Amino acid sequence: MNADELIYLSREPLNAETRLERQIGVVTPASRHYVRDHFPIPAAPGRLAIDGAVRAPLQLDLDDIRSLPPRSLVVTLECAGNGRAFLDPPVAGEQWRTGAVSTAEWTGASLRAVLEMAEPLGTAVEVLCVGADAGTPADVGARIAYERSLPIADAMRDDVLLAYAMNGDDLPREHGAPLRVIVPGWYGMASVKWLARLHLLERKFDGFFQRKRYVVGDTPLREIAARALIASPCDGDRLPARPFVARGYAWSGRGDLARVALSADGGRSWRDATLADAVSRYAWRPWHAAIAPHESGQLVLLARAVTTEGMAQPLEEIRGALGYANNAVRPVRIEVA
């Protein structure tokens, strides 16, 4: 990976943001797609085990998965901690600014097809997705794998994938090769990488990454909250006093986008930006708006996503104990000279 392609928060485990100002179009190149790891990148699992509350436990290799009907989906993934760095006072955890989000075309077999091969029992309530990556979190004191469960009804959605390709090429190692889960519309914690096991459970999973992390209160996180971000201009830019175009991206896993509202005066007045058509119901949508400064000085730009249900992105920071789902509008301050 080119060190200039991403903004690194840590090298091991690997955590790095995409540079949104360099994003062109909808799909993010794999080398520029954000990376969120909890532990060092593991050796690739040789086979995928499907066991637990099933009639026919299985061991499948990648060729077995590839032999199933493939499906491709363009999906925006966002880390649940995106925006945590702006909370004041600070909250513990990776200090993501706004670049823990990217979009790729993922190709793989449906999770449903693989589960059906193992014949789940009627008593199965969740599917535990276990990654090959493991380590010892400071507040656990024991070595654990990264694992996260899906309710059986969600796991059986046709659009949940076991992905082996990204943007038409083999899945890169840092993005979960040889096989990862993709749960469209949900925060990235559900899209388990380096998938080694699918274990069907007859009761709800209560492991560390389900009950102690990626929760709001006692509720595990699920769908992505609506958000619009400004990719250009960047905070702190100095621009000449002539018309310019602001551009960015908007997405939501909690209802479809209706519009993006833009303010160039810190929220005193708003107008709708031009929002591109959706490439996929799960992919972000580019937007743009022309701005004509009337005088020199500071401009405060705000972009706000609004869903078809009328839910608007909040103007104030959302503060939780772990800093998750903070989708508040982020101001971009520029100087017009």
C-alpha atoms as a PDB file:
ATOM      1  CA  MET A   1       0.000   0.000   0.000  1.00  0.00           C
ATOM      2  CA  ASN A   2       1.249   3.462  -0.937  1.00  0.00           C
ATOM      3  CA  ALA A   3       1.727   5.477   2.255  1.00  0.00           C
ATOM      4  CA  ASP A   4       0.365   8.592   0.523  1.00  0.00           C
ATOM      5  CA  GLU A   5      -2.938   6.947  -0.437  1.00  0.00           C
ATOM      6  CA  LEU A   6      -4.360   6.873   3.102  1.00  0.00           C
ATOM      7  CA  ILE A   7      -4.165   8.750   6.403  1.00  0.00           C
ATOM      8  CA  TYR A   8      -2.786   6.289   8.960  1.00  0.00           C
ATOM      9  CA  LEU A   9      -3.995   6.204  12.543  1.00  0.00           C
ATOM     10  CA  SER A  10      -1.975   3.074  13.371  1.00  0.00           C
ATOM     11  CA  ARG A  11       0.093   0.512  11.471  1.00  0.00           C
ATOM     12  CA  GLU A  12      -0.572  -2.578  13.598  1.00  0.00           C
ATOM     13  CA  PRO A  13      -3.363  -3.079  13.901  1.00  0.00           C
ATOM     14  CA  LEU A  14      -3.849  -1.286  10.593  1.00  0.00           C
ATOM     15  CA  ASN A  15      -6.250   1.635  10.806  1.00  0.00           C
ATOM     16  CA  ALA A  16      -6.310   4.219   8.048  1.00  0.00           C
ATOM     17  CA  GLU A  17      -8.707   6.790   6.598  1.00  0.00           C
ATOM     18  CA  THR A  18      -9.479   7.476   2.976  1.00  0.00           C
ATOM     19  CA  ARG A  19      -8.603  10.930   1.639  1.00  0.00           C
ATOM     20  CA  LEU A  20     -12.062  12.129   0.688  1.00  0.00           C
ATOM     21  CA  GLU A  21     -10.714  15.127  -1.196  1.00  0.00           C
ATOM     22  CA  ARG A  22      -9.169  12.669  -3.693  1.00  0.00           C
ATOM     23  CA  GLN A  23     -12.352  10.664  -4.205  1.00  0.00           C
ATOM     24  CA  ILE A  24     -13.646  10.877  -7.766  1.00  0.00           C
ATOM     25  CA  GLY A  25     -16.903   9.232  -8.773  1.00  0.00           C
ATOM     26  CA  VAL A  26     -18.636   6.577  -6.683  1.00  0.00           C
ATOM     27  CA  VAL A  27     -16.201   3.667  -6.350  1.00  0.00           C
ATOM     28  CA  THR A  28     -13.090   4.012  -4.177  1.00  0.00           C
ATOM     29  CA  PRO A  29      -9.945   2.213  -5.432  1.00  0.00           C
ATOM     30  CA  ALA A  30      -8.909  -0.571  -3.056  1.00  0.00           C
ATOM     31  CA  SER A  31      -5.647   1.227  -2.269  1.00  0.00           C
ATOM     32  CA  ARG A  32      -7.614   4.286  -1.071  1.00  0.00           C
ATOM     33  CA  HIS A  33     -10.415   2.458   0.757  1.00  0.00           C
ATOM     34  CA  TYR A  34     -10.360   2.993   4.517  1.00  0.00           C
ATOM     35  CA  VAL A  35      -9.118   0.091   6.668  1.00  0.00           C
ATOM     36  CA  ARG A  36     -10.333  -0.836  10.162  1.00  0.00           C
ATOM     37  CA  ASP A  37      -8.533  -3.687  11.946  1.00  0.00           C
ATOM     38  CA  HIS A  38      -8.800  -4.718  15.580  1.00  0.00           C
ATOM     39  CA  PHE A  39      -5.826  -7.099  15.565  1.00  0.00           C
ATOM     40  CA  PRO A  40      -2.837  -7.797  13.279  1.00  0.00           C
ATOM     41  CA  ILE A  41      -3.703  -9.172   9.828  1.00  0.00           C
ATOM     42  CA  PRO A  42      -3.843 -12.980  10.205  1.00  0.00           C
ATOM     43  CA  ALA A  43      -2.740 -15.828   7.989  1.00  0.00           C
ATOM     44  CA  ALA A  44      -5.432 -16.595   5.441  1.00  0.00           C
ATOM     45  CA  PRO A  45      -7.915 -19.240   6.611  1.00  0.00           C
ATOM     46  CA  GLY A  46      -7.781 -22.305   4.364  1.00  0.00           C
ATOM     47  CA  ARG A  47     -11.397 -23.305   4.787  1.00  0.00           C
ATOM     48  CA  LEU A  48     -14.698 -21.933   6.037  1.00  0.00           C
ATOM     49  CA  ALA A  49     -16.475 -23.969   8.713  1.00  0.00           C
ATOM     50  CA  ILE A  50     -20.273 -23.863   8.985  1.00  0.00           C
ATOM     51  CA  ASP A  51     -21.461 -25.528  12.179  1.00  0.00           C
ATOM     52  CA  GLY A  52     -23.594 -25.182  15.292  1.00  0.00           C
ATOM     53  CA  ALA A  53     -27.375 -25.433  14.960  1.00  0.00           C
ATOM     54  CA  VAL A  54     -27.296 -27.087  11.525  1.00  0.00           C
ATOM     55  CA  ARG A  55     -28.177 -30.532  10.193  1.00  0.00           C
ATOM     56  CA  ALA A  56     -25.200 -30.778   7.834  1.00  0.00           C
ATOM     57  CA  PRO A  57     -21.993 -29.150   9.133  1.00  0.00           C
ATOM     58  CA  LEU A  58     -19.667 -28.132   6.319  1.00  0.00           C
ATOM     59  CA  GLN A  59     -16.069 -27.277   5.536  1.00  0.00           C
ATOM     60  CA  LEU A  60     -15.830 -25.210   2.337  1.00  0.00           C
ATOM     61  CA  ASP A  61     -12.803 -23.871   0.503  1.00  0.00           C
ATOM     62  CA  LEU A  62     -12.699 -20.768  -1.658  1.00  0.00           C
ATOM     63  CA  ASP A  63     -13.343 -22.759  -4.841  1.00  0.00           C
ATOM     64  CA  ASP A  64     -16.546 -24.097  -3.270  1.00  0.00           C
ATOM     65  CA  ILE A  65     -17.693 -20.537  -2.561  1.00  0.00           C
ATOM     66  CA  ARG A  66     -16.726 -19.373  -6.051  1.00  0.00           C
ATOM     67  CA  SER A  67     -18.769 -22.200  -7.588  1.00  0.00           C
ATOM     68  CA  LEU A  68     -21.966 -20.656  -6.204  1.00  0.00           C
ATOM     69  CA  PRO A  69     -23.885 -18.048  -8.245  1.00  0.00           C
ATOM     70  CA  PRO A  70     -21.975 -14.758  -7.910  1.00  0.00           C
ATOM     71  CA  ARG A  71     -23.500 -11.402  -7.116  1.00  0.00           C
ATOM     72  CA  SER A  72     -21.955  -7.940  -7.235  1.00  0.00           C
ATOM     73  CA  LEU A  73     -23.108  -4.954  -5.199  1.00  0.00           C
ATOM     74  CA  VAL A  74     -21.761  -1.413  -4.862  1.00  0.00           C
ATOM     75  CA  VAL A  75     -21.736  -0.794  -1.111  1.00  0.00           C
ATOM     76  CA  THR A  76     -20.591   2.052   1.117  1.00  0.00           C
ATOM     77  CA  LEU A  77     -18.935   0.862   4.322  1.00  0.00           C
ATOM     78  CA  GLU A  78     -18.479   3.234   7.246  1.00  0.00           C
ATOM     79  CA  CYS A  79     -16.786   2.631  10.577  1.00  0.00           C
ATOM     80  CA  ALA A  80     -19.164   3.210  13.480  1.00  0.00           C
ATOM     81  CA  GLY A  81     -16.531   5.474  15.060  1.00  0.00           C
ATOM     82  CA  ASN A  82     -16.286   7.830  12.082  1.00  0.00           C
ATOM     83  CA  GLY A  83     -16.305  11.391  13.443  1.00  0.00           C
ATOM     84  CA  ARG A  84     -15.145  10.395  16.938  1.00  0.00           C
ATOM     85  CA  ALA A  85     -12.160  12.776  16.807  1.00  0.00           C
ATOM     86  CA  PHE A  86     -14.449  15.807  16.922  1.00  0.00           C
ATOM     87  CA  LEU A  87     -15.980  14.960  20.288  1.00  0.00           C
ATOM     88  CA  ASP A  88     -14.946  17.309  23.094  1.00  0.00           C
ATOM     89  CA  PRO A  89     -14.019  16.166  25.669  1.00  0.00           C
ATOM     90  CA  PRO A  90     -12.413  13.254  23.797  1.00  0.00           C
ATOM     91  CA  VAL A  91     -13.752   9.704  23.837  1.00  0.00           C
ATOM     92  CA  ALA A  92     -11.428   6.693  23.884  1.00  0.00           C
ATOM     93  CA  GLY A  93     -10.965   4.740  20.672  1.00  0.00           C
ATOM     94  CA  GLU A  94      -9.476   5.328  17.245  1.00  0.00           C
ATOM     95  CA  GLN A  95      -9.622   9.038  16.548  1.00  0.00           C
ATOM     96  CA  TRP A  96     -11.312   8.945  13.154  1.00  0.00           C
ATOM     97  CA  ARG A  97     -12.098  12.280  11.572  1.00  0.00           C
ATOM     98  CA  THR A  98     -14.388  11.864   8.554  1.00  0.00           C
ATOM     99  CA  GLY A  99     -12.438   9.465   6.329  1.00  0.00           C
ATOM    100  CA  ALA A 100     -13.500   6.128   7.857  1.00  0.00           C
ATOM    101  CA  VAL A 101     -15.892   5.606   4.956  1.00  0.00           C
ATOM    102  CA  SER A 102     -15.461   4.348   1.391  1.00  0.00           C
ATOM    103  CA  THR A 103     -17.366   2.608  -1.376  1.00  0.00           C
ATOM    104  CA  ALA A 104     -16.467  -0.461  -3.423  1.00  0.00           C
ATOM    105  CA  GLU A 105     -18.033  -3.025  -5.696  1.00  0.00           C
ATOM    106  CA  TRP A 106     -18.025  -6.313  -3.808  1.00  0.00           C
ATOM    107  CA  THR A 107     -18.507  -9.663  -5.524  1.00  0.00           C
ATOM    108  CA  GLY A 108     -19.269 -12.968  -3.852  1.00  0.00           C
ATOM    109  CA  ALA A 109     -21.833 -15.612  -3.048  1.00  0.00           C
ATOM    110  CA  SER A 110     -24.874 -14.860  -0.951  1.00  0.00           C
ATOM    111  CA  LEU A 111     -24.500 -15.806   2.700  1.00  0.00           C
ATOM    112  CA  ARG A 112     -27.954 -17.314   2.453  1.00  0.00           C
ATOM    113  CA  ALA A 113     -26.844 -19.826  -0.207  1.00  0.00           C
ATOM    114  CA  VAL A 114     -23.975 -21.034   1.976  1.00  0.00           C
ATOM    115  CA  LEU A 115     -26.126 -21.310   5.096  1.00  0.00           C
ATOM    116  CA  GLU A 116     -28.810 -23.248   3.261  1.00  0.00           C
ATOM    117  CA  MET A 117     -26.207 -25.834   2.233  1.00  0.00           C
ATOM    118  CA  ALA A 118     -25.732 -26.579   5.946  1.00  0.00           C
ATOM    119  CA  GLU A 119     -29.491 -26.834   6.588  1.00  0.00           C
ATOM    120  CA  PRO A 120     -30.036 -24.575   9.616  1.00  0.00           C
ATOM    121  CA  LEU A 121     -32.237 -25.911  12.392  1.00  0.00           C
ATOM    122  CA  GLY A 122     -35.488 -24.141  13.165  1.00  0.00           C
ATOM    123  CA  THR A 123     -34.048 -23.265  16.581  1.00  0.00           C
ATOM    124  CA  ALA A 124     -31.204 -21.156  15.118  1.00  0.00           C
ATOM    125  CA  VAL A 125     -31.616 -17.468  16.031  1.00  0.00           C
ATOM    126  CA  GLU A 126     -28.255 -15.929  15.078  1.00  0.00           C
ATOM    127  CA  VAL A 127     -25.271 -16.542  12.828  1.00  0.00           C
ATOM    128  CA  LEU A 128     -21.933 -15.873  14.507  1.00  0.00           C
ATOM    129  CA  CYS A 129     -19.329 -14.695  11.997  1.00  0.00           C
ATOM    130  CA  VAL A 130     -15.820 -15.466  13.277  1.00  0.00           C
ATOM    131  CA  GLY A 131     -12.712 -13.901  11.773  1.00  0.00           C
ATOM    132  CA  ALA A 132      -9.255 -15.462  11.761  1.00  0.00           C
ATOM    133  CA  ASP A 133      -7.845 -12.298  13.370  1.00  0.00           C
ATOM    134  CA  ALA A 134      -7.349 -12.494  17.125  1.00  0.00           C
ATOM    135  CA  GLY A 135      -5.664 -10.699  20.001  1.00  0.00           C
ATOM    136  CA  THR A 136      -5.946  -9.627  23.623  1.00  0.00           C
ATOM    137  CA  PRO A 137      -7.848  -6.376  24.198  1.00  0.00           C
ATOM    138  CA  ALA A 138      -6.633  -4.542  27.282  1.00  0.00           C
ATOM    139  CA  ASP A 139     -10.045  -4.643  28.943  1.00  0.00           C
ATOM    140  CA  VAL A 140     -10.622  -8.344  28.266  1.00  0.00           C
ATOM    141  CA  GLY A 141      -7.412  -9.953  29.522  1.00  0.00           C
ATOM    142  CA  ALA A 142      -7.807 -13.022  27.320  1.00  0.00           C
ATOM    143  CA  ARG A 143      -7.108 -13.780  23.680  1.00  0.00           C
ATOM    144  CA  ILE A 144     -10.254 -13.549  21.559  1.00  0.00           C
ATOM    145  CA  ALA A 145     -11.130 -13.546  17.876  1.00  0.00           C
ATOM    146  CA  TYR A 146     -12.966 -10.746  16.169  1.00  0.00           C
ATOM    147  CA  GLU A 147     -16.509 -12.072  15.935  1.00  0.00           C
ATOM    148  CA  ARG A 148     -19.910 -10.538  15.444  1.00  0.00           C
ATOM    149  CA  SER A 149     -23.372 -12.077  15.051  1.00  0.00           C
ATOM    150  CA  LEU A 150     -26.310 -11.425  12.739  1.00  0.00           C
ATOM    151  CA  PRO A 151     -29.941 -12.275  13.521  1.00  0.00           C
ATOM    152  CA  ILE A 152     -30.908 -15.201  11.323  1.00  0.00           C
ATOM    153  CA  ALA A 153     -33.470 -13.141   9.396  1.00  0.00           C
ATOM    154  CA  ASP A 154     -30.825 -10.565   8.477  1.00  0.00           C
ATOM    155  CA  ALA A 155     -28.255 -13.217   7.606  1.00  0.00           C
ATOM    156  CA  MET A 156     -30.779 -14.704   5.160  1.00  0.00           C
ATOM    157  CA  ARG A 157     -31.201 -11.438   3.224  1.00  0.00           C
ATOM    158  CA  ASP A 158     -30.296 -11.970  -0.424  1.00  0.00           C
ATOM    159  CA  ASP A 159     -27.931  -8.996  -0.419  1.00  0.00           C
ATOM    160  CA  VAL A 160     -25.628 -10.155   2.404  1.00  0.00           C
ATOM    161  CA  LEU A 161     -22.496 -11.435   0.698  1.00  0.00           C
ATOM    162  CA  LEU A 162     -19.501 -13.637   1.322  1.00  0.00           C
ATOM    163  CA  ALA A 163     -17.187 -11.511  -0.803  1.00  0.00           C
ATOM    164  CA  TYR A 164     -14.013 -12.721  -2.493  1.00  0.00           C
ATOM    165  CA  ALA A 165     -13.535  -9.843  -4.940  1.00  0.00           C
ATOM    166  CA  MET A 166     -13.329  -6.062  -4.659  1.00  0.00           C
ATOM    167  CA  ASN A 167     -13.682  -3.729  -7.634  1.00  0.00           C
ATOM    168  CA  GLY A 168     -13.320  -6.653 -10.033  1.00  0.00           C
ATOM    169  CA  ASP A 169     -10.062  -7.992  -8.575  1.00  0.00           C
ATOM    170  CA  ASP A 170      -9.261 -10.570  -5.911  1.00  0.00           C
ATOM    171  CA  LEU A 171      -9.952  -9.278  -2.432  1.00  0.00           C
ATOM    172  CA  PRO A 172      -6.783  -7.597  -1.068  1.00  0.00           C
ATOM    173  CA  ARG A 173      -5.248  -8.986   2.100  1.00  0.00           C
ATOM    174  CA  GLU A 174      -5.903  -5.845   4.144  1.00  0.00           C
ATOM    175  CA  HIS A 175      -9.566  -5.959   3.152  1.00  0.00           C
ATOM    176  CA  GLY A 176     -10.171  -9.488   4.386  1.00  0.00           C
ATOM    177  CA  ALA A 177      -8.855 -11.968   1.806  1.00  0.00           C
ATOM    178  CA  PRO A 178      -9.679 -14.601   0.995  1.00  0.00           C
ATOM    179  CA  LEU A 179     -13.263 -14.147   2.219  1.00  0.00           C
ATOM    180  CA  ARG A 180     -15.210 -11.544   4.124  1.00  0.00           C
ATOM    181  CA  VAL A 181     -18.797 -10.740   4.993  1.00  0.00           C
ATOM    182  CA  ILE A 182     -20.481  -7.690   3.480  1.00  0.00           C
ATOM    183  CA  VAL A 183     -23.653  -6.513   5.224  1.00  0.00           C
ATOM    184  CA  PRO A 184     -24.982  -3.662   3.052  1.00  0.00           C
ATOM    185  CA  GLY A 185     -26.446  -0.691   4.888  1.00  0.00           C
ATOM    186  CA  TRP A 186     -24.885  -1.607   8.255  1.00  0.00           C
ATOM    187  CA  TYR A 187     -21.846  -0.098   9.931  1.00  0.00           C
ATOM    188  CA  GLY A 188     -18.619  -1.859   9.002  1.00  0.00           C
ATOM    189  CA  MET A 189     -18.285  -3.849  12.240  1.00  0.00           C
ATOM    190  CA  ALA A 190     -20.816  -6.359  10.834  1.00  0.00           C
ATOM    191  CA  SER A 191     -18.727  -7.047   7.706  1.00  0.00           C
ATOM    192  CA  VAL A 192     -16.313  -9.490   9.345  1.00  0.00           C
ATOM    193  CA  LYS A 193     -12.984  -9.934   7.534  1.00  0.00           C
ATOM    194  CA  TRP A 194     -10.815 -13.063   7.114  1.00  0.00           C
ATOM    195  CA  LEU A 195     -13.924 -15.147   7.677  1.00  0.00           C
ATOM    196  CA  ALA A 196     -13.054 -18.530   9.208  1.00  0.00           C
ATOM    197  CA  ARG A 197     -16.317 -19.807  10.676  1.00  0.00           C
ATOM    198  CA  LEU A 198     -20.082 -19.411  10.565  1.00  0.00           C
ATOM    199  CA  HIS A 199     -21.534 -20.770  13.799  1.00  0.00           C
ATOM    200  CA  LEU A 200     -25.323 -20.922  14.104  1.00  0.00           C
ATOM    201  CA  LEU A 201     -26.523 -20.107  17.593  1.00  0.00           C
ATOM    202  CA  GLU A 202     -29.687 -21.001  19.452  1.00  0.00           C
ATOM    203  CA  ARG A 203     -29.413 -17.948  21.684  1.00  0.00           C
ATOM    204  CA  LYS A 204     -28.152 -14.387  21.242  1.00  0.00           C
ATOM    205  CA  PHE A 205     -24.397 -13.922  21.155  1.00  0.00           C
ATOM    206  CA  ASP A 206     -22.971 -11.941  24.074  1.00  0.00           C
ATOM    207  CA  GLY A 207     -19.284 -11.750  23.158  1.00  0.00           C
ATOM    208  CA  PHE A 208     -17.051  -8.717  23.629  1.00  0.00           C
ATOM    209  CA  PHE A 209     -17.605  -7.146  20.193  1.00  0.00           C
ATOM    210  CA  GLN A 210     -21.358  -7.633  20.486  1.00  0.00           C
ATOM    211  CA  ARG A 211     -22.075  -6.436  24.030  1.00  0.00           C
ATOM    212  CA  LYS A 212     -19.077  -4.325  25.100  1.00  0.00           C
ATOM    213  CA  ARG A 213     -18.183  -2.711  21.779  1.00  0.00           C
ATOM    214  CA  TYR A 214     -20.266  -1.458  18.874  1.00  0.00           C
ATOM    215  CA  VAL A 215     -23.255  -0.783  21.057  1.00  0.00           C
ATOM    216  CA  VAL A 216     -25.288   2.271  21.959  1.00  0.00           C
ATOM    217  CA  GLY A 217     -26.457   1.681  25.475  1.00  0.00           C
ATOM    218  CA  ASP A 218     -27.316  -2.016  25.517  1.00  0.00           C
ATOM    219  CA  THR A 219     -28.263  -2.182  21.834  1.00  0.00           C
ATOM    220  CA  PRO A 220     -25.842  -3.541  19.230  1.00  0.00           C
ATOM    221  CA  LEU A 221     -25.305  -1.144  16.335  1.00  0.00           C
ATOM    222  CA  ARG A 222     -26.884  -1.927  13.013  1.00  0.00           C
ATOM    223  CA  GLU A 223     -27.814   0.442  10.174  1.00  0.00           C
ATOM    224  CA  ILE A 224     -25.716   3.460   9.198  1.00  0.00           C
ATOM    225  CA  ALA A 225     -27.116   6.854  10.199  1.00  0.00           C
ATOM    226  CA  ALA A 226     -27.640   9.370   7.384  1.00  0.00           C
ATOM    227  CA  ARG A 227     -24.673  11.593   6.652  1.00  0.00           C
ATOM    228  CA  ALA A 228     -23.481  14.122   4.078  1.00  0.00           C
ATOM    229  CA  LEU A 229     -19.852  15.206   3.965  1.00  0.00           C
ATOM    230  CA  ILE A 230     -18.038  17.933   2.084  1.00  0.00           C
ATOM    231  CA  ALA A 231     -15.061  16.536   0.155  1.00  0.00           C
ATOM    232  CA  SER A 232     -14.042  19.822  -1.497  1.00  0.00           C
ATOM    233  CA  PRO A 233     -13.138  22.483  -0.551  1.00  0.00           C
ATOM    234  CA  CYS A 234     -11.267  21.299   2.521  1.00  0.00           C
ATOM    235  CA  ASP A 235     -11.358  22.830   5.967  1.00  0.00           C
ATOM    236  CA  GLY A 236      -8.821  25.681   6.097  1.00  0.00           C
ATOM    237  CA  ASP A 237      -8.595  26.212   2.336  1.00  0.00           C
ATOM    238  CA  ARG A 238      -8.020  29.742   1.015  1.00  0.00           C
ATOM    239  CA  LEU A 239      -9.952  30.533  -2.159  1.00  0.00           C
ATOM    240  CA  PRO A 240     -10.096  33.583  -4.431  1.00  0.00           C
ATOM    241  CA  ALA A 241     -13.238  35.694  -4.241  1.00  0.00           C
ATOM    242  CA  ARG A 242     -15.028  34.153  -7.205  1.00  0.00           C
ATOM    243  CA  PRO A 243     -17.667  31.453  -7.639  1.00  0.00           C
ATOM    244  CA  PHE A 244     -16.635  27.874  -6.841  1.00  0.00           C
ATOM    245  CA  VAL A 245     -18.258  24.462  -6.611  1.00  0.00           C
ATOM    246  CA  ALA A 246     -18.580  22.559  -3.337  1.00  0.00           C
ATOM    247  CA  ARG A 247     -18.876  18.799  -3.714  1.00  0.00           C
ATOM    248  CA  GLY A 248     -19.203  15.792  -1.503  1.00  0.00           C
ATOM    249  CA  TYR A 249     -21.002  12.528  -0.760  1.00  0.00           C
ATOM    250  CA  ALA A 250     -24.128  11.494   1.101  1.00  0.00           C
ATOM    251  CA  TRP A 251     -25.394   8.097   2.252  1.00  0.00           C
ATOM    252  CA  SER A 252     -27.773   6.379   4.655  1.00  0.00           C
ATOM    253  CA  GLY A 253     -28.578   2.892   5.869  1.00  0.00           C
ATOM    254  CA  ARG A 254     -31.663   4.165   7.706  1.00  0.00           C
ATOM    255  CA  GLY A 255     -33.947   5.091   4.833  1.00  0.00           C
ATOM    256  CA  ASP A 256     -33.330   6.451   1.349  1.00  0.00           C
ATOM    257  CA  LEU A 257     -31.869   9.887   0.757  1.00  0.00           C
ATOM    258  CA  ALA A 258     -34.282  12.583  -0.353  1.00  0.00           C
ATOM    259  CA  ARG A 259     -31.894  15.515  -0.643  1.00  0.00           C
ATOM    260  CA  VAL A 260     -28.750  17.223   0.587  1.00  0.00           C
ATOM    261  CA  ALA A 261     -29.154  20.736   1.974  1.00  0.00           C
ATOM    262  CA  LEU A 262     -26.184  23.106   1.808  1.00  0.00           C
ATOM    263  CA  SER A 263     -25.463  26.252   3.789  1.00  0.00           C
ATOM    264  CA  ALA A 264     -22.647  28.707   3.044  1.00  0.00           C
ATOM    265  CA  ASP A 265     -23.316  30.929   6.050  1.00  0.00           C
ATOM    266  CA  GLY A 266     -22.990  28.599   9.008  1.00  0.00           C
ATOM    267  CA  GLY A 267     -26.583  27.401   8.947  1.00  0.00           C
ATOM    268  CA  ARG A 268     -28.514  30.673   8.731  1.00  0.00           C
ATOM    269  CA  SER A 269     -29.841  29.784   5.289  1.00  0.00           C
ATOM    270  CA  TRP A 270     -30.052  26.551   3.310  1.00  0.00           C
ATOM    271  CA  ARG A 271     -30.626  25.431  -0.254  1.00  0.00           C
ATOM    272  CA  ASP A 272     -30.677  22.065  -1.952  1.00  0.00           C
ATOM    273  CA  ALA A 273     -27.548  20.765  -3.630  1.00  0.00           C
ATOM    274  CA  THR A 274     -27.677  18.731  -6.846  1.00  0.00           C
ATOM    275  CA  LEU A 275     -27.765  15.083  -5.767  1.00  0.00           C
ATOM    276  CA  ALA A 276     -26.643  12.414  -8.240  1.00  0.00           C
ATOM    277  CA  ASP A 277     -28.805   9.394  -8.945  1.00  0.00           C
ATOM    278  CA  ALA A 278     -28.175   6.290  -6.882  1.00  0.00           C
ATOM    279  CA  VAL A 279     -25.837   3.712  -8.425  1.00  0.00           C
ATOM    280  CA  SER A 280     -26.997   1.249  -5.760  1.00  0.00           C
ATOM    281  CA  ARG A 281     -29.399   1.538  -2.841  1.00  0.00           C
ATOM    282  CA  TYR A 282     -26.382   0.863  -0.613  1.00  0.00           C
ATOM    283  CA  ALA A 283     -23.878   3.292  -2.172  1.00  0.00           C
ATOM    284  CA  TRP A 284     -23.160   6.899  -1.363  1.00  0.00           C
ATOM    285  CA  ARG A 285     -24.329   9.537  -3.827  1.00  0.00           C
ATOM    286  CA  PRO A 286     -22.174  12.430  -5.044  1.00  0.00           C
ATOM    287  CA  TRP A 287     -23.614  15.924  -4.691  1.00  0.00           C
ATOM    288  CA  HIS A 288     -22.462  19.388  -5.756  1.00  0.00           C
ATOM    289  CA  ALA A 289     -23.517  23.016  -5.451  1.00  0.00           C
ATOM    290  CA  ALA A 290     -22.231  26.297  -6.877  1.00  0.00           C
ATOM    291  CA  ILE A 291     -21.331  28.978  -4.335  1.00  0.00           C
ATOM    292  CA  ALA A 292     -20.760  32.650  -5.152  1.00  0.00           C
ATOM    293  CA  PRO A 293     -19.083  34.512  -2.261  1.00  0.00           C
ATOM    294  CA  HIS A 294     -20.346  38.073  -1.871  1.00  0.00           C
ATOM    295  CA  GLU A 295     -17.360  39.359   0.092  1.00  0.00           C
ATOM    296  CA  SER A 296     -13.981  38.370   1.462  1.00  0.00           C
ATOM    297  CA  GLY A 297     -13.660  36.672   4.824  1.00  0.00           C
ATOM    298  CA  GLN A 298     -14.577  33.328   6.330  1.00  0.00           C
ATOM    299  CA  LEU A 299     -17.276  31.094   4.923  1.00  0.00           C
ATOM    300  CA  VAL A 300     -18.683  28.258   6.997  1.00  0.00           C
ATOM    301  CA  LEU A 301     -20.026  25.498   4.753  1.00  0.00           C
ATOM    302  CA  LEU A 302     -22.450  22.873   6.047  1.00  0.00           C
ATOM    303  CA  ALA A 303     -23.945  19.883   4.236  1.00  0.00           C
ATOM    304  CA  ARG A 304     -26.934  18.052   5.692  1.00  0.00           C
ATOM    305  CA  ALA A 305     -28.524  14.779   4.534  1.00  0.00           C
ATOM    306  CA  VAL A 306     -32.306  14.383   4.700  1.00  0.00           C
ATOM    307  CA  THR A 307     -34.050  11.022   4.172  1.00  0.00           C
ATOM    308  CA  THR A 308     -37.352  10.354   2.422  1.00  0.00           C
ATOM    309  CA  GLU A 309     -38.849   9.783   5.888  1.00  0.00           C
ATOM    310  CA  GLY A 310     -37.900  13.348   6.830  1.00  0.00           C
ATOM    311  CA  MET A 311     -35.046  12.412   9.158  1.00  0.00           C
ATOM    312  CA  ALA A 312     -32.391  15.134   8.976  1.00  0.00           C
ATOM    313  CA  GLN A 313     -28.761  14.797   9.924  1.00  0.00           C
ATOM    314  CA  PRO A 314     -28.266  16.431  13.352  1.00  0.00           C
ATOM    315  CA  LEU A 315     -26.520  19.778  13.662  1.00  0.00           C
ATOM    316  CA  GLU A 316     -25.091  19.019  17.117  1.00  0.00           C
ATOM    317  CA  GLU A 317     -22.550  16.338  17.982  1.00  0.00           C
ATOM    318  CA  ILE A 318     -23.976  13.027  19.175  1.00  0.00           C
ATOM    319  CA  ARG A 319     -22.043  12.038  22.248  1.00  0.00           C
ATOM    320  CA  GLY A 320     -22.046   8.486  23.583  1.00  0.00           C
ATOM    321  CA  ALA A 321     -19.735   6.627  25.925  1.00  0.00           C
ATOM    322  CA  LEU A 322     -17.921   4.996  22.979  1.00  0.00           C
ATOM    323  CA  GLY A 323     -18.350   7.730  20.380  1.00  0.00           C
ATOM    324  CA  TYR A 324     -20.350   5.650  17.909  1.00  0.00           C
ATOM    325  CA  ALA A 325     -22.729   6.845  15.173  1.00  0.00           C
ATOM    326  CA  ASN A 326     -21.726  10.488  15.559  1.00  0.00           C
ATOM    327  CA  ASN A 327     -23.207  11.632  12.247  1.00  0.00           C
ATOM    328  CA  ALA A 328     -23.466  15.321  13.136  1.00  0.00           C
ATOM    329  CA  VAL A 329     -23.005  17.888  10.373  1.00  0.00           C
ATOM    330  CA  ARG A 330     -19.331  18.829  10.059  1.00  0.00           C
ATOM    331  CA  PRO A 331     -18.530  22.479   9.259  1.00  0.00           C
ATOM    332  CA  VAL A 332     -15.901  23.312   6.653  1.00  0.00           C
ATOM    333  CA  ARG A 333     -14.378  26.728   7.214  1.00  0.00           C
ATOM    334  CA  ILE A 334     -12.660  28.438   4.298  1.00  0.00           C
ATOM    335  CA  GLU A 335     -11.098  31.847   3.781  1.00  0.00           C
ATOM    336  CA  VAL A 336     -12.159  33.880   0.751  1.00  0.00           C
ATOM    337  CA  ALA A 337      -9.532  36.461  -0.206  1.00  0.00           C
END
